[in-house]
Amino acid sequence: MWEAVKECFHNPNIDLYREETLENMCTLWTAWRSVLNVNFVKPCNSLGEAIENVPKGVVAEDWEWLVTKKFMTAEFQKISEQNSKNRLASDMEMPHRTGSMPHREIIYENV
């Protein structure tokens, strides 16, 4: 991936930005994959339907691999379900509406 980036951008000091660039690429890839899962896999009722629901701009073979080898695996489903439960629990327990001040600091000030 880094070689592809170097081909697109011409900067004599480009190697100084390698780590940050690769980290950003990883973050963007993870976010895009999440959007694909939410918009093209979760609404489907079956594996076959999800495989046929190929997003625009994605190669069908790559999509089939991503759905079968990533999104529909037992491990991914288990983690996804647990994360959904965690989000619901944290949203109901105590929403964070205190700005940038941590809860413990507010509690300390009110004691």
N, C-alpha and C. Protein backbone atom coordinates (compact mmCIF):
# COMPACT_ATOMS: atom_id res chain seq x y z
N MET A 1 0.82 -1.19 0.00
CA MET A 1 0.00 0.00 0.00
C MET A 1 0.87 1.26 0.00
N TRP A 2 1.95 1.21 0.76
CA TRP A 2 2.79 2.39 0.86
C TRP A 2 3.40 2.75 -0.49
N GLU A 3 3.74 1.74 -1.28
CA GLU A 3 4.30 2.01 -2.61
C GLU A 3 3.28 2.71 -3.50
N ALA A 4 2.01 2.33 -3.39
CA ALA A 4 0.96 2.99 -4.17
C ALA A 4 0.81 4.45 -3.76
N VAL A 5 0.93 4.72 -2.48
CA VAL A 5 0.85 6.11 -1.99
C VAL A 5 2.03 6.91 -2.53
N LYS A 6 3.22 6.32 -2.49
CA LYS A 6 4.41 7.03 -2.96
C LYS A 6 4.33 7.34 -4.45
N GLU A 7 3.65 6.48 -5.22
CA GLU A 7 3.49 6.74 -6.65
C GLU A 7 2.57 7.93 -6.91
N CYS A 8 1.59 8.13 -6.04
CA CYS A 8 0.61 9.20 -6.23
C CYS A 8 1.11 10.56 -5.75
N PHE A 9 1.96 10.58 -4.76
CA PHE A 9 2.41 11.83 -4.17
C PHE A 9 3.92 11.94 -4.28
N HIS A 10 4.36 13.07 -4.78
CA HIS A 10 5.79 13.29 -4.97
C HIS A 10 6.27 14.29 -3.93
N ASN A 11 6.99 13.78 -2.95
CA ASN A 11 7.51 14.60 -1.87
C ASN A 11 8.84 13.98 -1.45
N PRO A 12 9.91 14.75 -1.43
CA PRO A 12 11.20 14.15 -1.06
C PRO A 12 11.22 13.63 0.38
N ASN A 13 10.35 14.12 1.24
CA ASN A 13 10.30 13.69 2.64
C ASN A 13 9.10 12.79 2.94
N ILE A 14 8.59 12.13 1.93
CA ILE A 14 7.34 11.37 2.10
C ILE A 14 7.48 10.26 3.15
N ASP A 15 8.66 9.70 3.30
CA ASP A 15 8.84 8.62 4.28
C ASP A 15 8.63 9.08 5.71
N LEU A 16 8.70 10.38 5.95
CA LEU A 16 8.42 10.91 7.29
C LEU A 16 6.95 10.74 7.66
N TYR A 17 6.09 10.62 6.66
CA TYR A 17 4.64 10.54 6.88
C TYR A 17 4.11 9.11 6.78
N ARG A 18 5.00 8.15 6.68
CA ARG A 18 4.59 6.77 6.43
C ARG A 18 3.64 6.23 7.50
N GLU A 19 4.05 6.27 8.75
CA GLU A 19 3.24 5.69 9.84
C GLU A 19 1.87 6.36 9.94
N GLU A 20 1.85 7.68 9.94
CA GLU A 20 0.58 8.41 10.06
C GLU A 20 -0.34 8.11 8.88
N THR A 21 0.25 8.04 7.69
CA THR A 21 -0.54 7.77 6.49
C THR A 21 -1.15 6.37 6.54
N LEU A 22 -0.34 5.39 6.90
CA LEU A 22 -0.85 4.02 6.98
C LEU A 22 -1.90 3.87 8.08
N GLU A 23 -1.71 4.54 9.21
CA GLU A 23 -2.72 4.50 10.27
C GLU A 23 -4.03 5.12 9.79
N ASN A 24 -3.94 6.24 9.07
CA ASN A 24 -5.14 6.88 8.55
C ASN A 24 -5.83 5.99 7.52
N MET A 25 -5.05 5.33 6.68
CA MET A 25 -5.63 4.41 5.70
C MET A 25 -6.36 3.26 6.40
N CYS A 26 -5.79 2.76 7.48
CA CYS A 26 -6.42 1.69 8.25
C CYS A 26 -7.74 2.16 8.84
N THR A 27 -7.74 3.37 9.39
CA THR A 27 -8.95 3.94 9.98
C THR A 27 -10.04 4.12 8.92
N LEU A 28 -9.66 4.64 7.77
CA LEU A 28 -10.62 4.85 6.68
C LEU A 28 -11.17 3.51 6.17
N TRP A 29 -10.30 2.51 6.05
CA TRP A 29 -10.74 1.18 5.59
C TRP A 29 -11.73 0.57 6.58
N THR A 30 -11.45 0.68 7.86
CA THR A 30 -12.33 0.12 8.88
C THR A 30 -13.69 0.82 8.85
N ALA A 31 -13.68 2.14 8.72
CA ALA A 31 -14.94 2.89 8.68
C ALA A 31 -15.74 2.53 7.43
N TRP A 32 -15.07 2.40 6.29
CA TRP A 32 -15.76 2.06 5.04
C TRP A 32 -16.35 0.66 5.12
N ARG A 33 -15.58 -0.27 5.68
CA ARG A 33 -16.06 -1.65 5.84
C ARG A 33 -17.28 -1.68 6.75
N SER A 34 -17.28 -0.87 7.78
CA SER A 34 -18.42 -0.78 8.69
C SER A 34 -19.65 -0.25 7.97
N VAL A 35 -19.48 0.77 7.16
CA VAL A 35 -20.59 1.31 6.38
C VAL A 35 -21.15 0.25 5.44
N LEU A 36 -20.28 -0.51 4.80
CA LEU A 36 -20.73 -1.58 3.91
C LEU A 36 -21.55 -2.61 4.69
N ASN A 37 -21.08 -2.99 5.86
CA ASN A 37 -21.80 -3.97 6.67
C ASN A 37 -23.18 -3.46 7.07
N VAL A 38 -23.24 -2.22 7.55
CA VAL A 38 -24.51 -1.66 8.02
C VAL A 38 -25.50 -1.46 6.87
N ASN A 39 -25.02 -0.99 5.72
CA ASN A 39 -25.92 -0.64 4.63
C ASN A 39 -26.22 -1.78 3.65
N PHE A 40 -25.33 -2.77 3.54
CA PHE A 40 -25.51 -3.78 2.51
C PHE A 40 -25.61 -5.21 3.03
N VAL A 41 -25.25 -5.46 4.29
CA VAL A 41 -25.31 -6.83 4.81
C VAL A 41 -26.42 -6.95 5.86
N LYS A 42 -26.42 -6.08 6.85
CA LYS A 42 -27.40 -6.20 7.93
C LYS A 42 -28.86 -6.13 7.46
N PRO A 43 -29.19 -5.31 6.45
CA PRO A 43 -30.60 -5.28 6.01
C PRO A 43 -31.06 -6.57 5.32
N CYS A 44 -30.14 -7.42 4.91
CA CYS A 44 -30.48 -8.64 4.19
C CYS A 44 -30.91 -9.74 5.16
N ASN A 45 -31.79 -10.61 4.67
CA ASN A 45 -32.32 -11.69 5.50
C ASN A 45 -31.54 -12.99 5.40
N SER A 46 -30.69 -13.12 4.38
CA SER A 46 -29.95 -14.37 4.21
C SER A 46 -28.57 -14.08 3.63
N LEU A 47 -27.72 -15.09 3.69
CA LEU A 47 -26.38 -14.98 3.14
C LEU A 47 -26.43 -14.74 1.64
N GLY A 48 -27.29 -15.48 0.95
CA GLY A 48 -27.42 -15.33 -0.50
C GLY A 48 -27.86 -13.93 -0.89
N GLU A 49 -28.80 -13.39 -0.14
CA GLU A 49 -29.27 -12.04 -0.41
C GLU A 49 -28.16 -11.02 -0.18
N ALA A 50 -27.37 -11.22 0.85
CA ALA A 50 -26.26 -10.30 1.14
C ALA A 50 -25.20 -10.37 0.05
N ILE A 51 -24.91 -11.56 -0.44
CA ILE A 51 -23.92 -11.71 -1.51
C ILE A 51 -24.40 -11.04 -2.79
N GLU A 52 -25.69 -11.11 -3.07
CA GLU A 52 -26.24 -10.48 -4.28
C GLU A 52 -26.34 -8.96 -4.17
N ASN A 53 -26.33 -8.44 -2.96
CA ASN A 53 -26.49 -7.01 -2.72
C ASN A 53 -25.12 -6.31 -2.80
N VAL A 54 -24.49 -6.37 -3.98
CA VAL A 54 -23.14 -5.84 -4.17
C VAL A 54 -23.19 -4.31 -4.26
N PRO A 55 -22.41 -3.62 -3.42
CA PRO A 55 -22.37 -2.16 -3.49
C PRO A 55 -21.75 -1.68 -4.80
N LYS A 56 -22.15 -0.51 -5.21
CA LYS A 56 -21.60 0.10 -6.41
C LYS A 56 -20.10 0.34 -6.21
N GLY A 57 -19.31 -0.02 -7.21
CA GLY A 57 -17.88 0.21 -7.14
C GLY A 57 -17.09 -0.91 -6.50
N VAL A 58 -17.77 -1.98 -6.07
CA VAL A 58 -17.09 -3.12 -5.45
C VAL A 58 -17.18 -4.31 -6.40
N VAL A 59 -16.07 -4.99 -6.61
CA VAL A 59 -16.03 -6.17 -7.47
C VAL A 59 -16.82 -7.29 -6.79
N ALA A 60 -17.65 -7.98 -7.56
CA ALA A 60 -18.54 -9.02 -7.01
C ALA A 60 -17.76 -10.10 -6.25
N GLU A 61 -16.62 -10.54 -6.79
CA GLU A 61 -15.83 -11.59 -6.13
C GLU A 61 -15.27 -11.08 -4.80
N ASP A 62 -14.83 -9.83 -4.78
CA ASP A 62 -14.32 -9.25 -3.53
C ASP A 62 -15.44 -9.13 -2.50
N TRP A 63 -16.62 -8.74 -2.97
CA TRP A 63 -17.77 -8.61 -2.07
C TRP A 63 -18.15 -9.95 -1.48
N GLU A 64 -18.18 -10.98 -2.31
CA GLU A 64 -18.52 -12.31 -1.82
C GLU A 64 -17.52 -12.76 -0.76
N TRP A 65 -16.23 -12.50 -0.99
CA TRP A 65 -15.21 -12.85 0.00
C TRP A 65 -15.44 -12.10 1.30
N LEU A 66 -15.69 -10.79 1.21
CA LEU A 66 -15.88 -9.97 2.41
C LEU A 66 -17.10 -10.44 3.20
N VAL A 67 -18.18 -10.76 2.51
CA VAL A 67 -19.40 -11.20 3.20
C VAL A 67 -19.19 -12.57 3.84
N THR A 68 -18.65 -13.51 3.08
CA THR A 68 -18.54 -14.88 3.60
C THR A 68 -17.39 -15.08 4.57
N LYS A 69 -16.27 -14.41 4.32
CA LYS A 69 -15.08 -14.63 5.15
C LYS A 69 -14.92 -13.62 6.28
N LYS A 70 -15.74 -12.58 6.29
CA LYS A 70 -15.61 -11.57 7.34
C LYS A 70 -16.96 -11.36 8.05
N PHE A 71 -17.92 -10.77 7.33
CA PHE A 71 -19.17 -10.34 7.96
C PHE A 71 -20.02 -11.48 8.50
N MET A 72 -20.02 -12.63 7.86
CA MET A 72 -20.90 -13.72 8.27
C MET A 72 -20.22 -14.80 9.11
N THR A 73 -18.98 -14.58 9.50
CA THR A 73 -18.31 -15.58 10.34
C THR A 73 -18.89 -15.54 11.75
N ALA A 74 -18.81 -16.65 12.42
CA ALA A 74 -19.35 -16.75 13.78
C ALA A 74 -18.64 -15.77 14.72
N GLU A 75 -17.32 -15.64 14.56
CA GLU A 75 -16.55 -14.74 15.42
C GLU A 75 -16.98 -13.29 15.22
N PHE A 76 -17.14 -12.88 13.96
CA PHE A 76 -17.55 -11.50 13.67
C PHE A 76 -18.96 -11.24 14.21
N GLN A 77 -19.86 -12.19 14.02
CA GLN A 77 -21.24 -12.04 14.49
C GLN A 77 -21.28 -11.92 16.02
N LYS A 78 -20.46 -12.72 16.70
CA LYS A 78 -20.41 -12.68 18.16
C LYS A 78 -19.92 -11.31 18.65
N ILE A 79 -18.86 -10.81 18.05
CA ILE A 79 -18.31 -9.50 18.43
C ILE A 79 -19.30 -8.40 18.11
N SER A 80 -19.94 -8.48 16.95
CA SER A 80 -20.91 -7.47 16.53
C SER A 80 -22.10 -7.41 17.50
N GLU A 81 -22.58 -8.58 17.89
CA GLU A 81 -23.71 -8.63 18.82
C GLU A 81 -23.33 -8.06 20.18
N GLN A 82 -22.13 -8.41 20.66
CA GLN A 82 -21.67 -7.90 21.96
C GLN A 82 -21.48 -6.39 21.90
N ASN A 83 -20.92 -5.88 20.81
CA ASN A 83 -20.75 -4.43 20.68
C ASN A 83 -22.09 -3.71 20.65
N SER A 84 -23.08 -4.29 20.00
CA SER A 84 -24.41 -3.69 19.97
C SER A 84 -25.00 -3.62 21.38
N LYS A 85 -24.84 -4.70 22.14
CA LYS A 85 -25.32 -4.72 23.52
C LYS A 85 -24.59 -3.67 24.36
N ASN A 86 -23.29 -3.57 24.18
CA ASN A 86 -22.51 -2.59 24.94
C ASN A 86 -22.95 -1.17 24.63
N ARG A 87 -23.20 -0.88 23.36
CA ARG A 87 -23.65 0.46 23.00
C ARG A 87 -24.99 0.78 23.62
N LEU A 88 -25.90 -0.19 23.60
CA LEU A 88 -27.21 0.03 24.21
C LEU A 88 -27.10 0.24 25.71
N ALA A 89 -26.26 -0.56 26.36
CA ALA A 89 -26.10 -0.45 27.81
C ALA A 89 -25.48 0.89 28.18
N SER A 90 -24.48 1.32 27.44
CA SER A 90 -23.83 2.58 27.78
C SER A 90 -24.74 3.76 27.47
N ASP A 91 -25.56 3.66 26.44
CA ASP A 91 -26.48 4.75 26.11
C ASP A 91 -27.55 4.91 27.17
N MET A 92 -28.01 3.80 27.74
CA MET A 92 -29.10 3.86 28.71
C MET A 92 -28.59 4.21 30.11
N GLU A 93 -27.39 3.78 30.42
CA GLU A 93 -26.87 3.93 31.77
C GLU A 93 -26.67 5.40 32.15
N MET A 94 -25.84 6.10 31.42
CA MET A 94 -25.57 7.49 31.75
C MET A 94 -25.04 8.20 30.50
N PRO A 95 -25.87 8.93 29.82
CA PRO A 95 -25.37 9.63 28.63
C PRO A 95 -24.39 10.73 29.03
N HIS A 96 -23.39 10.92 28.21
CA HIS A 96 -22.35 11.90 28.50
C HIS A 96 -22.78 13.25 27.92
N ARG A 97 -23.28 14.12 28.79
CA ARG A 97 -23.72 15.45 28.35
C ARG A 97 -23.04 16.54 29.17
N THR A 98 -21.84 16.27 29.57
CA THR A 98 -21.14 17.21 30.43
C THR A 98 -20.01 17.92 29.72
N GLY A 99 -19.97 17.84 28.42
CA GLY A 99 -18.88 18.47 27.69
C GLY A 99 -17.61 17.66 27.82
N SER A 100 -16.49 18.34 27.92
CA SER A 100 -15.21 17.64 27.98
C SER A 100 -14.81 17.26 29.39
N MET A 101 -15.59 17.64 30.37
CA MET A 101 -15.25 17.33 31.76
C MET A 101 -15.63 15.88 32.09
N PRO A 102 -14.69 15.09 32.61
CA PRO A 102 -14.98 13.69 32.95
C PRO A 102 -16.02 13.59 34.08
N HIS A 103 -16.76 12.50 34.10
CA HIS A 103 -17.77 12.26 35.13
C HIS A 103 -17.18 12.33 36.54
N ARG A 104 -16.00 11.73 36.72
CA ARG A 104 -15.42 11.70 38.05
C ARG A 104 -15.11 13.10 38.57
N GLU A 105 -14.75 14.02 37.66
CA GLU A 105 -14.47 15.39 38.07
C GLU A 105 -15.75 16.10 38.51
N ILE A 106 -16.84 15.84 37.80
CA ILE A 106 -18.13 16.43 38.18
C ILE A 106 -18.58 15.89 39.53
N ILE A 107 -18.44 14.58 39.72
CA ILE A 107 -18.81 13.97 40.99
C ILE A 107 -17.98 14.56 42.12
N TYR A 108 -16.67 14.73 41.90
CA TYR A 108 -15.78 15.28 42.91
C TYR A 108 -16.20 16.71 43.27
N GLU A 109 -16.56 17.52 42.28
CA GLU A 109 -16.97 18.90 42.53
C GLU A 109 -18.28 18.98 43.31
N ASN A 110 -19.16 18.00 43.13
CA ASN A 110 -20.47 18.03 43.78
C ASN A 110 -20.45 17.44 45.18
N VAL A 111 -19.35 16.86 45.60
CA VAL A 111 -19.27 16.25 46.93
C VAL A 111 -18.99 17.28 47.99
